[in-house]
């Protein structure tokens, strides 16, 4: 088990009707004027109106900025920063999923930063101050509601804040988790959120660090929870127990608890951020395409882990005579879950990316962008170099 520091500074308020506590929570964390940040999608508009009523009831003034899209854009972040400065906002409330929360985090640090907030995302500078953030989660998957991470898109470039110095800086002060709010999330968005969550657990499971039974058991419990409740949600979106299990697992899958004492791989996340920047695809959909390809690309060098993945997560019997068959059966089970249970596309072309956008020159550009920070490899468990990333991307195209 490697050395670690586990920090969890986000209050999780779970259950029916908990969003009614929003105004009190904002006051508890010192907020006196609020920016309500959201996507403007139809399924959240009723909730937004209720939130305004809660704030009005406590005489907390607010301003509003909608329009967040998947792979949130820096242009809206700039607009939010200008609005917060003009209106003297001192608290940001994100009402939405990962894209809304990531955008809110960028606005929160950018408001108190004298330069261009994009410099922070490019790693050119660090920010030491941030407005406090609260979240009403409408979507299970990204885990951004309880983590220090934020990913923003500028043009076709997608960068994230990953500096450990920022572990507390932009972590939300609280997140409200009411499973009923997720009932009306469209099926595809539900599926990509589940795929994202599952990949967080899987990236942590495949590690090059010494054996850590506790983290293995935690990852196993998380993955089995997804495998149990995701099919229920896909068939019955109004199932409170299933929605609740996934909503609670969303932050737990990535806030550090599931990976205590180990480092996961996370190469797939590095690659997918550049995929979704280039082709503007949902993050979870990109991961659903990429992760199985990565598995088949690396499994022979990590046979023990992949056999354990198959036997522990999917309860596939060990083939003693040919254990490689067990590893491959686990990968196949993972693919079946993504593409048949969640009904997600299995390739970029199936996702609607045109052939001319998948040429060798484009794939090479995306691969090079993975290493924009000057690193020579990506992924801790199985370090990948640029040619590896190009090969993996080619297999993701479906051509």
Protein backbone atom coordinates (compact mmCIF):
# COMPACT_ATOMS: atom_id res chain seq x y z
CA UNK A 1 0.00 0.00 0.00
CA UNK A 2 1.46 3.36 -1.04
CA UNK A 3 1.42 6.46 1.15
CA UNK A 4 -1.67 8.63 0.80
CA UNK A 5 -3.62 11.56 2.19
CA UNK A 6 -7.42 11.24 2.06
CA UNK A 7 -9.29 14.53 2.09
CA UNK A 8 -13.05 14.78 1.86
CA UNK A 9 -14.32 18.27 2.52
CA UNK A 10 -17.65 18.04 0.73
CA UNK A 11 -20.80 17.63 2.82
CA UNK A 12 -23.13 15.12 1.14
CA UNK A 13 -26.81 15.74 1.87
CA UNK A 14 -28.73 12.74 0.60
CA UNK A 15 -32.43 11.98 0.23
CA UNK A 16 -35.86 13.14 -0.81
CA UNK A 17 -36.55 16.86 -0.61
CA UNK A 18 -33.06 17.80 0.56
CA UNK A 19 -32.85 20.58 -2.02
CA UNK A 20 -35.16 22.60 0.24
CA UNK A 21 -32.11 23.13 2.49
CA UNK A 22 -30.18 24.93 -0.25
CA UNK A 23 -30.53 28.47 1.07
CA UNK A 24 -29.59 27.51 4.64
CA UNK A 25 -26.54 25.63 3.42
CA UNK A 26 -25.39 28.61 1.37
CA UNK A 27 -25.73 30.84 4.44
CA UNK A 28 -23.82 28.31 6.54
CA UNK A 29 -20.89 28.61 4.15
CA UNK A 30 -20.96 32.40 4.11
CA UNK A 31 -22.83 33.06 0.88
CA UNK A 32 -24.74 36.33 0.63
CA UNK A 33 -25.18 36.70 -3.15
CA UNK A 34 -25.40 33.69 -5.43
CA UNK A 35 -24.77 32.82 -9.05
CA UNK A 36 -27.10 29.99 -10.11
CA UNK A 37 -25.25 28.15 -12.86
CA UNK A 38 -27.01 25.53 -15.00
CA UNK A 39 -27.52 24.10 -18.47
CA UNK A 40 -31.00 25.41 -19.21
CA UNK A 41 -32.13 21.95 -20.29
CA UNK A 42 -35.84 21.34 -19.98
CA UNK A 43 -35.59 18.67 -17.30
CA UNK A 44 -33.85 21.07 -14.85
CA UNK A 45 -35.96 24.20 -15.36
CA UNK A 46 -38.56 23.31 -12.76
CA UNK A 47 -35.83 22.68 -10.21
CA UNK A 48 -34.20 26.01 -11.05
CA UNK A 49 -37.45 27.84 -10.33
CA UNK A 50 -37.77 26.08 -6.97
CA UNK A 51 -34.20 27.01 -6.09
CA UNK A 52 -34.97 30.66 -6.78
CA UNK A 53 -37.94 30.41 -4.42
CA UNK A 54 -35.73 28.90 -1.69
CA UNK A 55 -33.25 31.75 -2.04
CA UNK A 56 -35.96 34.41 -2.14
CA UNK A 57 -37.47 32.91 1.00
CA UNK A 58 -34.21 33.49 2.86
CA UNK A 59 -33.72 36.91 1.22
CA UNK A 60 -30.56 35.80 -0.56
CA UNK A 61 -30.12 37.78 -3.80
CA UNK A 62 -29.12 35.82 -6.88
CA UNK A 63 -28.17 36.11 -10.52
CA UNK A 64 -28.43 33.38 -13.12
CA UNK A 65 -26.31 31.99 -15.94
CA UNK A 66 -27.54 29.05 -18.00
CA UNK A 67 -26.32 27.60 -21.24
CA UNK A 68 -23.68 25.11 -20.10
CA UNK A 69 -23.17 22.37 -22.69
CA UNK A 70 -21.37 19.01 -22.52
CA UNK A 71 -17.61 19.58 -22.63
CA UNK A 72 -18.18 23.08 -21.17
CA UNK A 73 -16.72 25.99 -23.10
CA UNK A 74 -14.35 28.65 -21.83
CA UNK A 75 -16.46 31.38 -23.48
CA UNK A 76 -19.33 30.84 -21.02
CA UNK A 77 -16.81 30.71 -18.18
CA UNK A 78 -15.59 34.18 -19.18
CA UNK A 79 -19.20 35.39 -19.21
CA UNK A 80 -19.74 33.96 -15.74
CA UNK A 81 -16.59 35.60 -14.39
CA UNK A 82 -17.67 38.99 -15.72
CA UNK A 83 -21.15 38.55 -14.25
CA UNK A 84 -19.82 37.55 -10.82
CA UNK A 85 -17.49 40.53 -10.68
CA UNK A 86 -20.15 42.97 -11.83
CA UNK A 87 -22.77 41.67 -9.39
CA UNK A 88 -20.38 41.06 -6.47
CA UNK A 89 -21.30 37.39 -6.25
CA UNK A 90 -19.67 35.53 -3.34
CA UNK A 91 -21.10 32.02 -3.78
CA UNK A 92 -21.72 29.83 -6.82
CA UNK A 93 -24.48 27.23 -6.91
CA UNK A 94 -24.14 24.64 -9.66
CA UNK A 95 -27.44 22.94 -10.51
CA UNK A 96 -26.65 20.12 -12.90
CA UNK A 97 -24.18 17.39 -13.73
CA UNK A 98 -20.46 17.28 -14.34
CA UNK A 99 -20.30 19.87 -17.12
CA UNK A 100 -22.23 22.44 -15.09
CA UNK A 101 -20.11 21.75 -12.02
CA UNK A 102 -16.83 21.96 -13.95
CA UNK A 103 -17.93 25.25 -15.49
CA UNK A 104 -18.92 26.57 -12.05
CA UNK A 105 -15.49 25.67 -10.70
CA UNK A 106 -13.80 27.56 -13.51
CA UNK A 107 -15.96 30.61 -12.83
CA UNK A 108 -15.21 30.33 -9.11
CA UNK A 109 -11.44 30.48 -9.53
CA UNK A 110 -11.54 32.87 -12.48
CA UNK A 111 -13.54 35.50 -10.61
CA UNK A 112 -10.72 36.00 -8.11
CA UNK A 113 -7.89 35.55 -10.62
CA UNK A 114 -6.31 38.63 -12.19
CA UNK A 115 -5.22 36.94 -15.42
CA UNK A 116 -6.83 34.65 -17.98
CA UNK A 117 -8.30 31.64 -16.18
CA UNK A 118 -7.35 29.47 -19.18
CA UNK A 119 -3.70 29.89 -18.13
CA UNK A 120 -4.53 27.85 -15.03
CA UNK A 121 -6.03 25.07 -17.14
CA UNK A 122 -2.96 25.06 -19.37
CA UNK A 123 -0.74 24.68 -16.31
CA UNK A 124 0.95 28.05 -16.82
CA UNK A 125 -0.13 29.41 -13.45
CA UNK A 126 -1.86 28.42 -10.23
CA UNK A 127 -4.73 30.02 -8.41
CA UNK A 128 -4.76 30.22 -4.65
CA UNK A 129 -8.27 31.64 -4.15
CA UNK A 130 -11.75 30.61 -5.19
CA UNK A 131 -15.34 31.51 -4.52
CA UNK A 132 -17.11 28.76 -2.56
CA UNK A 133 -19.24 26.35 -4.56
CA UNK A 134 -22.34 24.33 -3.73
CA UNK A 135 -24.02 21.71 -5.90
CA UNK A 136 -27.49 20.34 -6.47
CA UNK A 137 -26.70 17.23 -8.47
CA UNK A 138 -29.07 16.30 -11.29
CA UNK A 139 -26.96 13.56 -12.81
CA UNK A 140 -25.04 10.52 -11.57
CA UNK A 141 -21.70 9.80 -13.18
CA UNK A 142 -18.88 12.32 -13.28
CA UNK A 143 -18.27 12.67 -9.54
CA UNK A 144 -17.30 16.32 -10.02
CA UNK A 145 -19.78 17.18 -7.28
CA UNK A 146 -17.28 16.03 -4.64
CA UNK A 147 -13.82 16.29 -6.21
CA UNK A 148 -11.10 18.83 -6.90
CA UNK A 149 -11.19 18.33 -10.69
CA UNK A 150 -12.51 20.54 -13.47
CA UNK A 151 -12.17 20.13 -17.24
CA UNK A 152 -12.87 22.96 -19.71
CA UNK A 153 -12.84 23.15 -23.52
CA UNK A 154 -11.39 25.92 -25.67
CA UNK A 155 -11.96 25.33 -29.36
CA UNK A 156 -10.95 21.70 -29.83
CA UNK A 157 -8.59 21.70 -26.86
CA UNK A 158 -9.74 20.26 -23.56
CA UNK A 159 -7.67 20.81 -20.41
CA UNK A 160 -8.20 20.06 -16.76
CA UNK A 161 -6.98 21.20 -13.37
CA UNK A 162 -5.13 18.30 -11.80
CA UNK A 163 -2.62 19.94 -9.46
CA UNK A 164 -2.71 18.36 -5.97
CA UNK A 165 -2.34 21.88 -4.54
CA UNK A 166 -5.94 22.44 -5.64
CA UNK A 167 -7.40 19.46 -3.73
CA UNK A 168 -9.50 21.71 -1.52
CA UNK A 169 -9.59 24.93 -3.52
CA UNK A 170 -12.48 24.08 -5.86
CA UNK A 171 -13.99 21.09 -4.10
CA UNK A 172 -17.68 21.94 -3.51
CA UNK A 173 -18.63 22.78 0.05
CA UNK A 174 -21.78 20.69 -0.21
CA UNK A 175 -23.66 18.53 -2.65
CA UNK A 176 -27.36 17.74 -2.46
CA UNK A 177 -28.18 14.25 -3.72
CA UNK A 178 -31.91 13.68 -4.22
CA UNK A 179 -32.42 10.63 -6.46
CA UNK A 180 -35.88 11.87 -7.48
CA UNK A 181 -34.25 14.76 -9.35
CA UNK A 182 -32.63 12.25 -11.74
CA UNK A 183 -35.89 10.52 -12.73
CA UNK A 184 -36.33 12.57 -15.90
CA UNK A 185 -32.73 12.55 -17.11
CA UNK A 186 -32.84 11.24 -20.72
CA UNK A 187 -31.83 7.61 -21.24
CA UNK A 188 -28.66 8.35 -23.19
CA UNK A 189 -27.41 10.83 -20.59
CA UNK A 190 -28.14 8.32 -17.85
CA UNK A 191 -26.15 5.70 -19.73
CA UNK A 192 -23.09 7.87 -20.38
CA UNK A 193 -23.05 8.89 -16.73
CA UNK A 194 -23.05 5.26 -15.66
CA UNK A 195 -20.23 4.51 -18.12
CA UNK A 196 -18.18 7.38 -16.72
CA UNK A 197 -18.72 6.20 -13.15
CA UNK A 198 -17.85 2.62 -14.07
CA UNK A 199 -14.64 3.77 -15.75
CA UNK A 200 -13.59 5.66 -12.62
CA UNK A 201 -13.86 2.43 -10.68
CA UNK A 202 -12.13 0.41 -13.39
CA UNK A 203 -9.24 2.87 -13.81
CA UNK A 204 -8.61 2.61 -10.06
CA UNK A 205 -8.83 -1.19 -10.06
CA UNK A 206 -6.06 -1.68 -12.63
CA UNK A 207 -2.99 -0.61 -10.69
CA UNK A 208 0.72 -1.30 -10.79
CA UNK A 209 1.03 -0.77 -7.04
CA UNK A 210 1.46 -3.67 -4.60
CA UNK A 211 -1.61 -5.72 -3.77
CA UNK A 212 -4.14 -3.80 -1.70
CA UNK A 213 -7.03 -6.04 -0.78
CA UNK A 214 -9.08 -3.27 0.83
CA UNK A 215 -9.07 -1.11 -2.31
CA UNK A 216 -9.79 -4.18 -4.43
CA UNK A 217 -12.82 -5.00 -2.29
CA UNK A 218 -14.05 -1.40 -2.44
CA UNK A 219 -13.69 -1.30 -6.22
CA UNK A 220 -15.43 -4.64 -6.47
CA UNK A 221 -18.34 -3.37 -4.37
CA UNK A 222 -18.61 -0.26 -6.51
CA UNK A 223 -18.52 -2.11 -9.82
CA UNK A 224 -21.00 -4.72 -8.63
CA UNK A 225 -23.31 -1.90 -7.53
CA UNK A 226 -23.21 -0.49 -11.05
CA UNK A 227 -23.78 -3.92 -12.61
CA UNK A 228 -26.76 -4.53 -10.31
CA UNK A 229 -28.58 -1.21 -10.48
CA UNK A 230 -27.78 0.15 -13.95
CA UNK A 231 -30.02 -2.39 -15.73
CA UNK A 232 -32.82 -1.50 -13.31
CA UNK A 233 -32.51 2.22 -14.06
CA UNK A 234 -32.40 1.62 -17.80
CA UNK A 235 -35.68 -0.32 -17.58
CA UNK A 236 -37.35 1.69 -14.80
CA UNK A 237 -36.00 5.27 -14.56
CA UNK A 238 -38.34 6.02 -11.64
CA UNK A 239 -36.86 3.33 -9.38
CA UNK A 240 -35.78 5.27 -6.28
CA UNK A 241 -33.51 2.58 -4.84
CA UNK A 242 -31.58 2.10 -8.08
CA UNK A 243 -31.29 5.82 -8.83
CA UNK A 244 -30.20 6.41 -5.24
CA UNK A 245 -27.50 3.75 -5.26
CA UNK A 246 -25.95 5.15 -8.43
CA UNK A 247 -26.27 8.76 -7.31
CA UNK A 248 -24.44 8.06 -4.05
CA UNK A 249 -21.79 5.95 -5.78
CA UNK A 250 -21.04 8.74 -8.27
CA UNK A 251 -18.96 10.90 -5.87
CA UNK A 252 -17.63 7.93 -3.92
CA UNK A 253 -16.22 6.34 -7.08
CA UNK A 254 -13.77 9.20 -7.61
CA UNK A 255 -13.35 11.21 -4.40
CA UNK A 256 -10.41 9.10 -3.21
CA UNK A 257 -12.10 6.55 -0.98
CA UNK A 258 -12.06 3.76 -3.55
CA UNK A 259 -8.34 4.09 -4.27
CA UNK A 260 -6.80 4.49 -0.82
CA UNK A 261 -3.22 3.29 -0.84
CA UNK A 262 -2.88 2.92 -4.60
CA UNK A 263 -2.63 4.78 -7.88
CA UNK A 264 -4.91 3.79 -10.71
CA UNK A 265 -4.00 3.99 -14.37
CA UNK A 266 -6.03 6.98 -15.68
CA UNK A 267 -4.49 6.88 -19.15
CA UNK A 268 -7.92 6.34 -20.68
CA UNK A 269 -9.18 9.55 -19.10
CA UNK A 270 -6.20 11.48 -20.46
CA UNK A 271 -6.89 10.15 -23.95
CA UNK A 272 -10.65 10.62 -23.81
CA UNK A 273 -10.42 14.26 -22.77
CA UNK A 274 -8.67 14.93 -26.07
CA UNK A 275 -11.16 12.74 -27.97
CA UNK A 276 -14.13 14.69 -26.68
CA UNK A 277 -12.31 17.96 -27.31
CA UNK A 278 -11.70 17.02 -30.95
CA UNK A 279 -15.03 15.39 -31.78
CA UNK A 280 -17.31 17.01 -29.16
CA UNK A 281 -18.61 13.69 -27.87
CA UNK A 282 -19.96 13.05 -24.36
CA UNK A 283 -17.16 12.06 -22.00
CA UNK A 284 -18.87 8.88 -20.83
CA UNK A 285 -19.62 7.79 -24.39
CA UNK A 286 -15.98 8.25 -25.33
CA UNK A 287 -14.85 6.23 -22.33
CA UNK A 288 -17.28 3.44 -23.20
CA UNK A 289 -15.61 3.16 -26.61
CA UNK A 290 -12.06 3.58 -25.36
CA UNK A 291 -11.86 1.46 -22.20
CA UNK A 292 -12.54 -1.94 -23.82
CA UNK A 293 -10.02 -1.15 -26.58
CA UNK A 294 -7.43 -0.28 -23.93
CA UNK A 295 -8.21 -3.51 -22.09
CA UNK A 296 -7.59 -5.65 -25.16
CA UNK A 297 -4.44 -3.65 -25.92
CA UNK A 298 -2.79 -4.19 -22.50
CA UNK A 299 -4.31 -7.26 -20.85
CA UNK A 300 -1.53 -9.71 -21.72
CA UNK A 301 0.93 -7.68 -19.65
CA UNK A 302 -1.43 -7.62 -16.65
CA UNK A 303 -2.98 -11.06 -16.76
CA UNK A 304 -3.34 -11.44 -12.99
CA UNK A 305 -5.36 -8.22 -12.70
CA UNK A 306 -7.60 -9.04 -15.65
CA UNK A 307 -8.31 -12.54 -14.38
CA UNK A 308 -9.23 -11.06 -11.01
CA UNK A 309 -11.41 -8.48 -12.77
CA UNK A 310 -13.30 -11.28 -14.53
CA UNK A 311 -13.70 -13.57 -11.53
CA UNK A 312 -14.43 -10.92 -8.88
CA UNK A 313 -16.48 -8.37 -10.81
CA UNK A 314 -18.36 -10.61 -13.22
CA UNK A 315 -18.05 -13.88 -11.27
CA UNK A 316 -16.70 -15.73 -14.28
CA UNK A 317 -15.27 -19.15 -13.32
CA UNK A 318 -11.50 -19.45 -13.64
CA UNK A 319 -10.35 -21.54 -16.57
CA UNK A 320 -7.43 -23.27 -14.87
CA UNK A 321 -6.07 -24.80 -18.06
CA UNK A 322 -6.27 -21.60 -20.12
CA UNK A 323 -6.58 -18.62 -17.73
CA UNK A 324 -6.27 -16.16 -20.63
CA UNK A 325 -9.76 -17.22 -21.65
CA UNK A 326 -11.00 -16.02 -18.29
CA UNK A 327 -9.38 -12.61 -18.78
CA UNK A 328 -10.91 -12.27 -22.25
CA UNK A 329 -14.31 -13.38 -20.96
CA UNK A 330 -14.16 -10.54 -18.41
CA UNK A 331 -13.42 -8.00 -21.12
CA UNK A 332 -16.27 -9.41 -23.21
CA UNK A 333 -18.64 -9.14 -20.24
CA UNK A 334 -17.59 -5.52 -19.78
CA UNK A 335 -18.30 -4.82 -23.45
CA UNK A 336 -21.67 -6.58 -23.28
CA UNK A 337 -22.67 -4.39 -20.34
CA UNK A 338 -21.72 -1.15 -22.10
CA UNK A 339 -23.09 -1.94 -25.53
CA UNK A 340 -26.12 -4.12 -24.76
CA UNK A 341 -27.31 -3.10 -21.29
CA UNK A 342 -26.45 0.60 -21.55
CA UNK A 343 -26.96 0.57 -25.35
CA UNK A 344 -23.97 2.83 -25.96
CA UNK A 345 -22.13 3.08 -29.29
CA UNK A 346 -19.10 0.79 -29.58
CA UNK A 347 -17.05 2.98 -31.95
CA UNK A 348 -16.55 6.58 -32.98
CA UNK A 349 -18.14 5.94 -36.36
CA UNK A 350 -21.18 4.41 -34.66
CA UNK A 351 -21.34 7.53 -32.50
CA UNK A 352 -21.73 9.56 -35.69
CA UNK A 353 -18.21 10.80 -36.35
CA UNK A 354 -17.70 11.02 -40.12
CA UNK A 355 -14.95 9.05 -41.86
CA UNK A 356 -13.19 12.24 -42.99
CA UNK A 357 -12.90 13.30 -39.35
CA UNK A 358 -11.14 10.05 -38.44
CA UNK A 359 -8.17 10.23 -40.80
CA UNK A 360 -4.64 9.37 -39.73
CA UNK A 361 -3.69 13.05 -39.53
CA UNK A 362 -6.53 13.76 -37.11
CA UNK A 363 -5.74 10.73 -34.96
CA UNK A 364 -2.10 11.79 -34.75
CA UNK A 365 -3.13 15.32 -33.74
CA UNK A 366 -5.34 13.96 -30.97
CA UNK A 367 -2.58 11.62 -29.78
CA UNK A 368 -0.04 14.45 -29.64
CA UNK A 369 -2.45 16.58 -27.63
CA UNK A 370 -2.58 13.90 -24.92
CA UNK A 371 1.01 14.84 -24.08
CA UNK A 372 0.52 18.62 -24.06
CA UNK A 373 2.11 18.98 -20.61
CA UNK A 374 5.40 17.58 -21.89
CA UNK A 375 4.96 14.09 -20.47
CA UNK A 376 6.31 11.22 -22.59
CA UNK A 377 3.77 8.65 -21.42
CA UNK A 378 0.20 8.49 -20.16
CA UNK A 379 -1.15 5.91 -17.73
CA UNK A 380 0.54 4.67 -14.57
CA UNK A 381 -0.25 0.97 -14.75
CA UNK A 382 0.59 0.54 -18.42
CA UNK A 383 2.45 3.64 -19.67
CA UNK A 384 1.47 4.47 -23.25
CA UNK A 385 3.56 6.46 -25.69
CA UNK A 386 2.32 8.42 -28.67
CA UNK A 387 2.38 5.46 -31.12
CA UNK A 388 0.38 3.39 -28.62
CA UNK A 389 -2.25 6.11 -28.36
CA UNK A 390 -2.49 6.35 -32.16
CA UNK A 391 -2.98 2.58 -32.41
CA UNK A 392 -5.67 2.63 -29.73
CA UNK A 393 -7.47 5.53 -31.40
CA UNK A 394 -7.45 3.66 -34.71
CA UNK A 395 -9.16 0.73 -33.02
CA UNK A 396 -11.75 3.13 -31.57
CA UNK A 397 -12.81 4.41 -34.99
CA UNK A 398 -14.71 1.27 -36.02
CA UNK A 399 -13.42 1.63 -39.59
